[in-house]
PDB file of N, CA and C in Angstrom:
ATOM      1  N   UNK A   1       0.810  -1.195   0.000  1.00  0.00           N
ATOM      2  CA  UNK A   1       0.000   0.000   0.000  1.00  0.00           C
ATOM      3  C   UNK A   1       0.860   1.269   0.000  1.00  0.00           C
ATOM      4  N   UNK A   2       1.870   1.278   0.849  1.00  0.00           N
ATOM      5  CA  UNK A   2       2.727   2.458   0.942  1.00  0.00           C
ATOM      6  C   UNK A   2       3.366   2.751  -0.409  1.00  0.00           C
ATOM      7  N   UNK A   3       3.818   1.709  -1.080  1.00  0.00           N
ATOM      8  CA  UNK A   3       4.456   1.899  -2.381  1.00  0.00           C
ATOM      9  C   UNK A   3       3.471   2.476  -3.395  1.00  0.00           C
ATOM     10  N   UNK A   4       2.200   2.067  -3.336  1.00  0.00           N
ATOM     11  CA  UNK A   4       1.188   2.629  -4.242  1.00  0.00           C
ATOM     12  C   UNK A   4       1.035   4.129  -4.024  1.00  0.00           C
ATOM     13  N   UNK A   5       1.042   4.554  -2.775  1.00  0.00           N
ATOM     14  CA  UNK A   5       0.926   5.982  -2.472  1.00  0.00           C
ATOM     15  C   UNK A   5       2.154   6.720  -2.992  1.00  0.00           C
ATOM     16  N   UNK A   6       3.329   6.172  -2.740  1.00  0.00           N
ATOM     17  CA  UNK A   6       4.566   6.803  -3.204  1.00  0.00           C
ATOM     18  C   UNK A   6       4.622   6.907  -4.731  1.00  0.00           C
ATOM     19  N   UNK A   7       4.024   5.938  -5.406  1.00  0.00           N
ATOM     20  CA  UNK A   7       4.029   5.925  -6.869  1.00  0.00           C
ATOM     21  C   UNK A   7       2.894   6.747  -7.467  1.00  0.00           C
ATOM     22  N   UNK A   8       2.146   7.464  -6.637  1.00  0.00           N
ATOM     23  CA  UNK A   8       1.080   8.318  -7.136  1.00  0.00           C
ATOM     24  C   UNK A   8      -0.190   7.585  -7.514  1.00  0.00           C
ATOM     25  N   UNK A   9      -0.369   6.380  -7.012  1.00  0.00           N
ATOM     26  CA  UNK A   9      -1.560   5.594  -7.339  1.00  0.00           C
ATOM     27  C   UNK A   9      -2.704   5.827  -6.353  1.00  0.00           C
ATOM     28  N   UNK A  10      -2.589   6.821  -5.521  1.00  0.00           N
ATOM     29  CA  UNK A  10      -3.630   7.147  -4.542  1.00  0.00           C
ATOM     30  C   UNK A  10      -4.635   8.074  -5.233  1.00  0.00           C
ATOM     31  N   UNK A  11      -5.543   7.470  -5.942  1.00  0.00           N
ATOM     32  CA  UNK A  11      -6.553   8.209  -6.688  1.00  0.00           C
ATOM     33  C   UNK A  11      -7.911   7.735  -6.196  1.00  0.00           C
ATOM     34  N   UNK A  12      -8.797   8.660  -5.902  1.00  0.00           N
ATOM     35  CA  UNK A  12     -10.097   8.324  -5.327  1.00  0.00           C
ATOM     36  C   UNK A  12     -10.839   7.261  -6.138  1.00  0.00           C
ATOM     37  N   UNK A  13     -10.761   7.317  -7.447  1.00  0.00           N
ATOM     38  CA  UNK A  13     -11.523   6.391  -8.282  1.00  0.00           C
ATOM     39  C   UNK A  13     -10.982   4.963  -8.270  1.00  0.00           C
ATOM     40  N   UNK A  14      -9.726   4.750  -7.828  1.00  0.00           N
ATOM     41  CA  UNK A  14      -9.192   3.386  -7.856  1.00  0.00           C
ATOM     42  C   UNK A  14      -9.055   2.756  -6.468  1.00  0.00           C
ATOM     43  N   UNK A  15      -9.709   3.303  -5.479  1.00  0.00           N
ATOM     44  CA  UNK A  15      -9.634   2.733  -4.134  1.00  0.00           C
ATOM     45  C   UNK A  15     -10.669   1.611  -4.030  1.00  0.00           C
ATOM     46  N   UNK A  16     -10.182   0.390  -3.827  1.00  0.00           N
ATOM     47  CA  UNK A  16     -11.086  -0.737  -3.667  1.00  0.00           C
ATOM     48  C   UNK A  16     -10.809  -1.419  -2.331  1.00  0.00           C
ATOM     49  N   UNK A  17     -11.369  -2.589  -2.129  1.00  0.00           N
ATOM     50  CA  UNK A  17     -11.309  -3.253  -0.823  1.00  0.00           C
ATOM     51  C   UNK A  17      -9.896  -3.541  -0.336  1.00  0.00           C
ATOM     52  N   UNK A  18      -8.930  -3.696  -1.209  1.00  0.00           N
ATOM     53  CA  UNK A  18      -7.565  -3.976  -0.758  1.00  0.00           C
ATOM     54  C   UNK A  18      -6.988  -2.821   0.056  1.00  0.00           C
ATOM     55  N   UNK A  19      -7.565  -1.632  -0.024  1.00  0.00           N
ATOM     56  CA  UNK A  19      -7.108  -0.466   0.724  1.00  0.00           C
ATOM     57  C   UNK A  19      -7.767  -0.364   2.106  1.00  0.00           C
ATOM     58  N   UNK A  20      -8.789  -1.145   2.360  1.00  0.00           N
ATOM     59  CA  UNK A  20      -9.590  -0.971   3.564  1.00  0.00           C
ATOM     60  C   UNK A  20      -8.903  -1.435   4.846  1.00  0.00           C
ATOM     61  N   UNK A  21      -8.016  -2.387   4.771  1.00  0.00           N
ATOM     62  CA  UNK A  21      -7.370  -2.907   5.969  1.00  0.00           C
ATOM     63  C   UNK A  21      -8.182  -4.025   6.596  1.00  0.00           C
ATOM     64  N   UNK A  22      -7.912  -4.315   7.845  1.00  0.00           N
ATOM     65  CA  UNK A  22      -8.550  -5.415   8.554  1.00  0.00           C
ATOM     66  C   UNK A  22      -9.555  -4.852   9.555  1.00  0.00           C
ATOM     67  N   UNK A  23     -10.733  -5.441   9.604  1.00  0.00           N
ATOM     68  CA  UNK A  23     -11.744  -5.035  10.574  1.00  0.00           C
ATOM     69  C   UNK A  23     -11.374  -5.629  11.936  1.00  0.00           C
ATOM     70  N   UNK A  24     -11.217  -4.798  12.943  1.00  0.00           N
ATOM     71  CA  UNK A  24     -10.812  -5.283  14.261  1.00  0.00           C
ATOM     72  C   UNK A  24     -11.960  -5.309  15.267  1.00  0.00           C
ATOM     73  N   UNK A  25     -13.153  -4.915  14.865  1.00  0.00           N
ATOM     74  CA  UNK A  25     -14.303  -4.965  15.774  1.00  0.00           C
ATOM     75  C   UNK A  25     -14.521  -6.396  16.261  1.00  0.00           C
ATOM     76  N   UNK A  26     -14.724  -6.531  17.567  1.00  0.00           N
ATOM     77  CA  UNK A  26     -15.035  -7.807  18.221  1.00  0.00           C
ATOM     78  C   UNK A  26     -13.891  -8.822  18.164  1.00  0.00           C
ATOM     79  N   UNK A  27     -12.690  -8.406  17.820  1.00  0.00           N
ATOM     80  CA  UNK A  27     -11.524  -9.294  17.834  1.00  0.00           C
ATOM     81  C   UNK A  27     -10.943  -9.320  19.244  1.00  0.00           C
ATOM     82  N   UNK A  28      -9.931 -10.140  19.466  1.00  0.00           N
ATOM     83  CA  UNK A  28      -9.271 -10.235  20.761  1.00  0.00           C
ATOM     84  C   UNK A  28      -7.922  -9.526  20.690  1.00  0.00           C
ATOM     85  N   UNK A  29      -7.661  -8.689  21.689  1.00  0.00           N
ATOM     86  CA  UNK A  29      -6.404  -7.958  21.792  1.00  0.00           C
ATOM     87  C   UNK A  29      -5.647  -8.455  23.013  1.00  0.00           C
ATOM     88  N   UNK A  30      -4.394  -8.817  22.837  1.00  0.00           N
ATOM     89  CA  UNK A  30      -3.539  -9.209  23.943  1.00  0.00           C
ATOM     90  C   UNK A  30      -2.593  -8.074  24.285  1.00  0.00           C
ATOM     91  N   UNK A  31      -2.564  -7.698  25.550  1.00  0.00           N
ATOM     92  CA  UNK A  31      -1.707  -6.604  26.003  1.00  0.00           C
ATOM     93  C   UNK A  31      -0.740  -7.142  27.047  1.00  0.00           C
ATOM     94  N   UNK A  32       0.536  -6.888  26.841  1.00  0.00           N
ATOM     95  CA  UNK A  32       1.557  -7.281  27.806  1.00  0.00           C
ATOM     96  C   UNK A  32       1.965  -6.018  28.546  1.00  0.00           C
ATOM     97  N   UNK A  33       1.619  -5.941  29.801  1.00  0.00           N
ATOM     98  CA  UNK A  33       1.888  -4.770  30.623  1.00  0.00           C
ATOM     99  C   UNK A  33       0.710  -3.818  30.585  1.00  0.00           C
ATOM    100  N   UNK A  34       0.053  -3.661  31.715  1.00  0.00           N
ATOM    101  CA  UNK A  34      -1.137  -2.814  31.761  1.00  0.00           C
ATOM    102  C   UNK A  34      -0.860  -1.573  32.600  1.00  0.00           C
ATOM    103  N   UNK A  35       0.226  -0.877  32.223  1.00  0.00           N
ATOM    104  CA  UNK A  35       0.527   0.408  32.852  1.00  0.00           C
ATOM    105  C   UNK A  35      -0.266   1.497  32.153  1.00  0.00           C
ATOM    106  N   UNK A  36       0.301   2.672  32.066  1.00  0.00           N
ATOM    107  CA  UNK A  36      -0.390   3.804  31.458  1.00  0.00           C
ATOM    108  C   UNK A  36      -0.723   3.588  29.991  1.00  0.00           C
ATOM    109  N   UNK A  37       0.254   3.149  29.214  1.00  0.00           N
ATOM    110  CA  UNK A  37       0.027   2.937  27.787  1.00  0.00           C
ATOM    111  C   UNK A  37      -0.901   1.748  27.556  1.00  0.00           C
ATOM    112  N   UNK A  38      -0.649   0.649  28.253  1.00  0.00           N
ATOM    113  CA  UNK A  38      -1.503  -0.531  28.100  1.00  0.00           C
ATOM    114  C   UNK A  38      -2.941  -0.247  28.479  1.00  0.00           C
ATOM    115  N   UNK A  39      -3.154   0.520  29.542  1.00  0.00           N
ATOM    116  CA  UNK A  39      -4.513   0.872  29.967  1.00  0.00           C
ATOM    117  C   UNK A  39      -5.198   1.775  28.944  1.00  0.00           C
ATOM    118  N   UNK A  40      -4.451   2.727  28.378  1.00  0.00           N
ATOM    119  CA  UNK A  40      -5.018   3.602  27.344  1.00  0.00           C
ATOM    120  C   UNK A  40      -5.401   2.788  26.110  1.00  0.00           C
ATOM    121  N   UNK A  41      -4.587   1.830  25.751  1.00  0.00           N
ATOM    122  CA  UNK A  41      -4.881   0.963  24.629  1.00  0.00           C
ATOM    123  C   UNK A  41      -6.120   0.114  24.901  1.00  0.00           C
ATOM    124  N   UNK A  42      -6.202  -0.448  26.109  1.00  0.00           N
ATOM    125  CA  UNK A  42      -7.363  -1.255  26.489  1.00  0.00           C
ATOM    126  C   UNK A  42      -8.646  -0.426  26.433  1.00  0.00           C
ATOM    127  N   UNK A  43      -8.587   0.791  26.898  1.00  0.00           N
ATOM    128  CA  UNK A  43      -9.756   1.680  26.883  1.00  0.00           C
ATOM    129  C   UNK A  43     -10.236   1.915  25.450  1.00  0.00           C
ATOM    130  N   UNK A  44      -9.323   2.249  24.564  1.00  0.00           N
ATOM    131  CA  UNK A  44      -9.695   2.524  23.162  1.00  0.00           C
ATOM    132  C   UNK A  44     -10.206   1.264  22.464  1.00  0.00           C
ATOM    133  N   UNK A  45      -9.554   0.136  22.742  1.00  0.00           N
ATOM    134  CA  UNK A  45      -9.965  -1.115  22.110  1.00  0.00           C
ATOM    135  C   UNK A  45     -11.357  -1.539  22.583  1.00  0.00           C
ATOM    136  N   UNK A  46     -11.617  -1.386  23.872  1.00  0.00           N
ATOM    137  CA  UNK A  46     -12.902  -1.803  24.430  1.00  0.00           C
ATOM    138  C   UNK A  46     -14.042  -0.891  23.983  1.00  0.00           C
ATOM    139  N   UNK A  47     -13.883   0.399  24.194  1.00  0.00           N
ATOM    140  CA  UNK A  47     -14.973   1.324  23.886  1.00  0.00           C
ATOM    141  C   UNK A  47     -15.063   1.661  22.401  1.00  0.00           C
ATOM    142  N   UNK A  48     -13.943   1.708  21.716  1.00  0.00           N
ATOM    143  CA  UNK A  48     -13.954   2.085  20.312  1.00  0.00           C
ATOM    144  C   UNK A  48     -14.265   0.944  19.359  1.00  0.00           C
ATOM    145  N   UNK A  49     -13.826  -0.279  19.722  1.00  0.00           N
ATOM    146  CA  UNK A  49     -13.959  -1.397  18.797  1.00  0.00           C
ATOM    147  C   UNK A  49     -14.617  -2.620  19.425  1.00  0.00           C
ATOM    148  N   UNK A  50     -15.083  -2.503  20.661  1.00  0.00           N
ATOM    149  CA  UNK A  50     -15.743  -3.600  21.375  1.00  0.00           C
ATOM    150  C   UNK A  50     -14.899  -4.881  21.324  1.00  0.00           C
ATOM    151  N   UNK A  51     -13.591  -4.708  21.539  1.00  0.00           N
ATOM    152  CA  UNK A  51     -12.668  -5.837  21.484  1.00  0.00           C
ATOM    153  C   UNK A  51     -12.623  -6.567  22.815  1.00  0.00           C
ATOM    154  N   UNK A  52     -12.314  -7.854  22.761  1.00  0.00           N
ATOM    155  CA  UNK A  52     -12.046  -8.639  23.961  1.00  0.00           C
ATOM    156  C   UNK A  52     -10.607  -8.352  24.361  1.00  0.00           C
ATOM    157  N   UNK A  53     -10.390  -8.088  25.645  1.00  0.00           N
ATOM    158  CA  UNK A  53      -9.066  -7.714  26.129  1.00  0.00           C
ATOM    159  C   UNK A  53      -8.501  -8.821  27.007  1.00  0.00           C
ATOM    160  N   UNK A  54      -7.350  -9.349  26.618  1.00  0.00           N
ATOM    161  CA  UNK A  54      -6.565 -10.240  27.459  1.00  0.00           C
ATOM    162  C   UNK A  54      -5.310  -9.479  27.838  1.00  0.00           C
ATOM    163  N   UNK A  55      -4.874  -9.645  29.079  1.00  0.00           N
ATOM    164  CA  UNK A  55      -3.648  -8.942  29.459  1.00  0.00           C
ATOM    165  C   UNK A  55      -2.817  -9.773  30.404  1.00  0.00           C
ATOM    166  N   UNK A  56      -1.525  -9.510  30.369  1.00  0.00           N
ATOM    167  CA  UNK A  56      -0.589 -10.081  31.332  1.00  0.00           C
ATOM    168  C   UNK A  56       0.158  -8.923  31.967  1.00  0.00           C
ATOM    169  N   UNK A  57       0.286  -8.998  33.257  1.00  0.00           N
ATOM    170  CA  UNK A  57       0.955  -7.962  34.032  1.00  0.00           C
ATOM    171  C   UNK A  57       1.582  -8.649  35.238  1.00  0.00           C
ATOM    172  N   UNK A  58       2.424  -7.957  35.968  1.00  0.00           N
ATOM    173  CA  UNK A  58       2.996  -8.558  37.187  1.00  0.00           C
ATOM    174  C   UNK A  58       1.922  -8.981  38.160  1.00  0.00           C
ATOM    175  N   UNK A  59       0.830  -8.233  38.181  1.00  0.00           N
ATOM    176  CA  UNK A  59      -0.310  -8.581  39.037  1.00  0.00           C
ATOM    177  C   UNK A  59      -1.584  -8.200  38.303  1.00  0.00           C
ATOM    178  N   UNK A  60      -2.700  -8.711  38.793  1.00  0.00           N
ATOM    179  CA  UNK A  60      -3.984  -8.397  38.181  1.00  0.00           C
ATOM    180  C   UNK A  60      -4.350  -6.930  38.365  1.00  0.00           C
ATOM    181  N   UNK A  61      -5.219  -6.444  37.532  1.00  0.00           N
ATOM    182  CA  UNK A  61      -5.665  -5.060  37.586  1.00  0.00           C
ATOM    183  C   UNK A  61      -7.189  -5.069  37.649  1.00  0.00           C
ATOM    184  N   UNK A  62      -7.734  -5.022  38.860  1.00  0.00           N
ATOM    185  CA  UNK A  62      -9.176  -5.118  39.052  1.00  0.00           C
ATOM    186  C   UNK A  62      -9.931  -3.985  38.368  1.00  0.00           C
ATOM    187  N   UNK A  63      -9.345  -2.801  38.335  1.00  0.00           N
ATOM    188  CA  UNK A  63     -10.004  -1.662  37.700  1.00  0.00           C
ATOM    189  C   UNK A  63     -10.158  -1.896  36.191  1.00  0.00           C
ATOM    190  N   UNK A  64      -9.114  -2.382  35.544  1.00  0.00           N
ATOM    191  CA  UNK A  64      -9.186  -2.665  34.101  1.00  0.00           C
ATOM    192  C   UNK A  64     -10.177  -3.794  33.828  1.00  0.00           C
ATOM    193  N   UNK A  65     -10.196  -4.775  34.714  1.00  0.00           N
ATOM    194  CA  UNK A  65     -11.133  -5.879  34.547  1.00  0.00           C
ATOM    195  C   UNK A  65     -12.576  -5.385  34.651  1.00  0.00           C
ATOM    196  N   UNK A  66     -12.805  -4.446  35.538  1.00  0.00           N
ATOM    197  CA  UNK A  66     -14.148  -3.896  35.727  1.00  0.00           C
ATOM    198  C   UNK A  66     -14.514  -2.932  34.594  1.00  0.00           C
ATOM    199  N   UNK A  67     -13.622  -2.012  34.277  1.00  0.00           N
ATOM    200  CA  UNK A  67     -13.929  -0.973  33.288  1.00  0.00           C
ATOM    201  C   UNK A  67     -13.949  -1.484  31.847  1.00  0.00           C
ATOM    202  N   UNK A  68     -13.016  -2.368  31.508  1.00  0.00           N
ATOM    203  CA  UNK A  68     -12.841  -2.777  30.119  1.00  0.00           C
ATOM    204  C   UNK A  68     -13.159  -4.253  29.894  1.00  0.00           C
ATOM    205  N   UNK A  69     -13.681  -4.900  30.923  1.00  0.00           N
ATOM    206  CA  UNK A  69     -13.986  -6.330  30.858  1.00  0.00           C
ATOM    207  C   UNK A  69     -12.741  -7.128  30.448  1.00  0.00           C
ATOM    208  N   UNK A  70     -11.588  -6.674  30.913  1.00  0.00           N
ATOM    209  CA  UNK A  70     -10.310  -7.315  30.595  1.00  0.00           C
ATOM    210  C   UNK A  70     -10.148  -8.589  31.410  1.00  0.00           C
ATOM    211  N   UNK A  71      -9.417  -9.539  30.859  1.00  0.00           N
ATOM    212  CA  UNK A  71      -9.174 -10.806  31.531  1.00  0.00           C
ATOM    213  C   UNK A  71      -7.678 -11.002  31.722  1.00  0.00           C
ATOM    214  N   UNK A  72      -7.281 -11.199  32.985  1.00  0.00           N
ATOM    215  CA  UNK A  72      -5.882 -11.457  33.307  1.00  0.00           C
ATOM    216  C   UNK A  72      -5.553 -12.901  32.933  1.00  0.00           C
ATOM    217  N   UNK A  73      -4.381 -13.133  32.350  1.00  0.00           N
ATOM    218  CA  UNK A  73      -3.946 -14.488  32.064  1.00  0.00           C
ATOM    219  C   UNK A  73      -2.427 -14.551  32.079  1.00  0.00           C
ATOM    220  N   UNK A  74      -1.925 -15.763  32.166  1.00  0.00           N
ATOM    221  CA  UNK A  74      -0.474 -15.942  32.141  1.00  0.00           C
ATOM    222  C   UNK A  74       0.051 -15.563  30.760  1.00  0.00           C
ATOM    223  N   UNK A  75       1.338 -15.308  30.693  1.00  0.00           N
ATOM    224  CA  UNK A  75       1.961 -14.959  29.421  1.00  0.00           C
ATOM    225  C   UNK A  75       1.764 -16.100  28.413  1.00  0.00           C
ATOM    226  N   UNK A  76       1.947 -17.317  28.865  1.00  0.00           N
ATOM    227  CA  UNK A  76       1.809 -18.480  27.987  1.00  0.00           C
ATOM    228  C   UNK A  76       0.390 -18.573  27.418  1.00  0.00           C
ATOM    229  N   UNK A  77      -0.601 -18.410  28.274  1.00  0.00           N
ATOM    230  CA  UNK A  77      -1.994 -18.489  27.820  1.00  0.00           C
ATOM    231  C   UNK A  77      -2.324 -17.341  26.873  1.00  0.00           C
ATOM    232  N   UNK A  78      -1.832 -16.139  27.179  1.00  0.00           N
ATOM    233  CA  UNK A  78      -2.077 -14.986  26.326  1.00  0.00           C
ATOM    234  C   UNK A  78      -1.541 -15.236  24.922  1.00  0.00           C
ATOM    235  N   UNK A  79      -0.329 -15.745  24.827  1.00  0.00           N
ATOM    236  CA  UNK A  79       0.279 -15.992  23.518  1.00  0.00           C
ATOM    237  C   UNK A  79      -0.414 -17.129  22.771  1.00  0.00           C
ATOM    238  N   UNK A  80      -0.930 -18.116  23.495  1.00  0.00           N
ATOM    239  CA  UNK A  80      -1.649 -19.206  22.851  1.00  0.00           C
ATOM    240  C   UNK A  80      -2.987 -18.751  22.286  1.00  0.00           C
ATOM    241  N   UNK A  81      -3.636 -17.809  22.953  1.00  0.00           N
ATOM    242  CA  UNK A  81      -4.968 -17.377  22.543  1.00  0.00           C
ATOM    243  C   UNK A  81      -4.949 -16.467  21.327  1.00  0.00           C
ATOM    244  N   UNK A  82      -3.808 -15.870  21.031  1.00  0.00           N
ATOM    245  CA  UNK A  82      -3.761 -14.908  19.924  1.00  0.00           C
ATOM    246  C   UNK A  82      -3.346 -15.529  18.620  1.00  0.00           C
TER     247      UNK A  82
END
């Protein structure tokens, strides 16, 4: 896609489905580390795209679980689920 833009092929009349990207609504997002950035990502994923949130952190985060319906899991389980 980037090469098409660089080559001047970004013309409104030739934009078809290959330019649309991947729909992430209702998909599962795995987050490693639920600090400030991870929490901001979880918030946007949950409210913006209704994504399922799995996370691994040193400890569970009850607030994220309550606010974003996030599920704490081990690193191994998180990687297996994605």
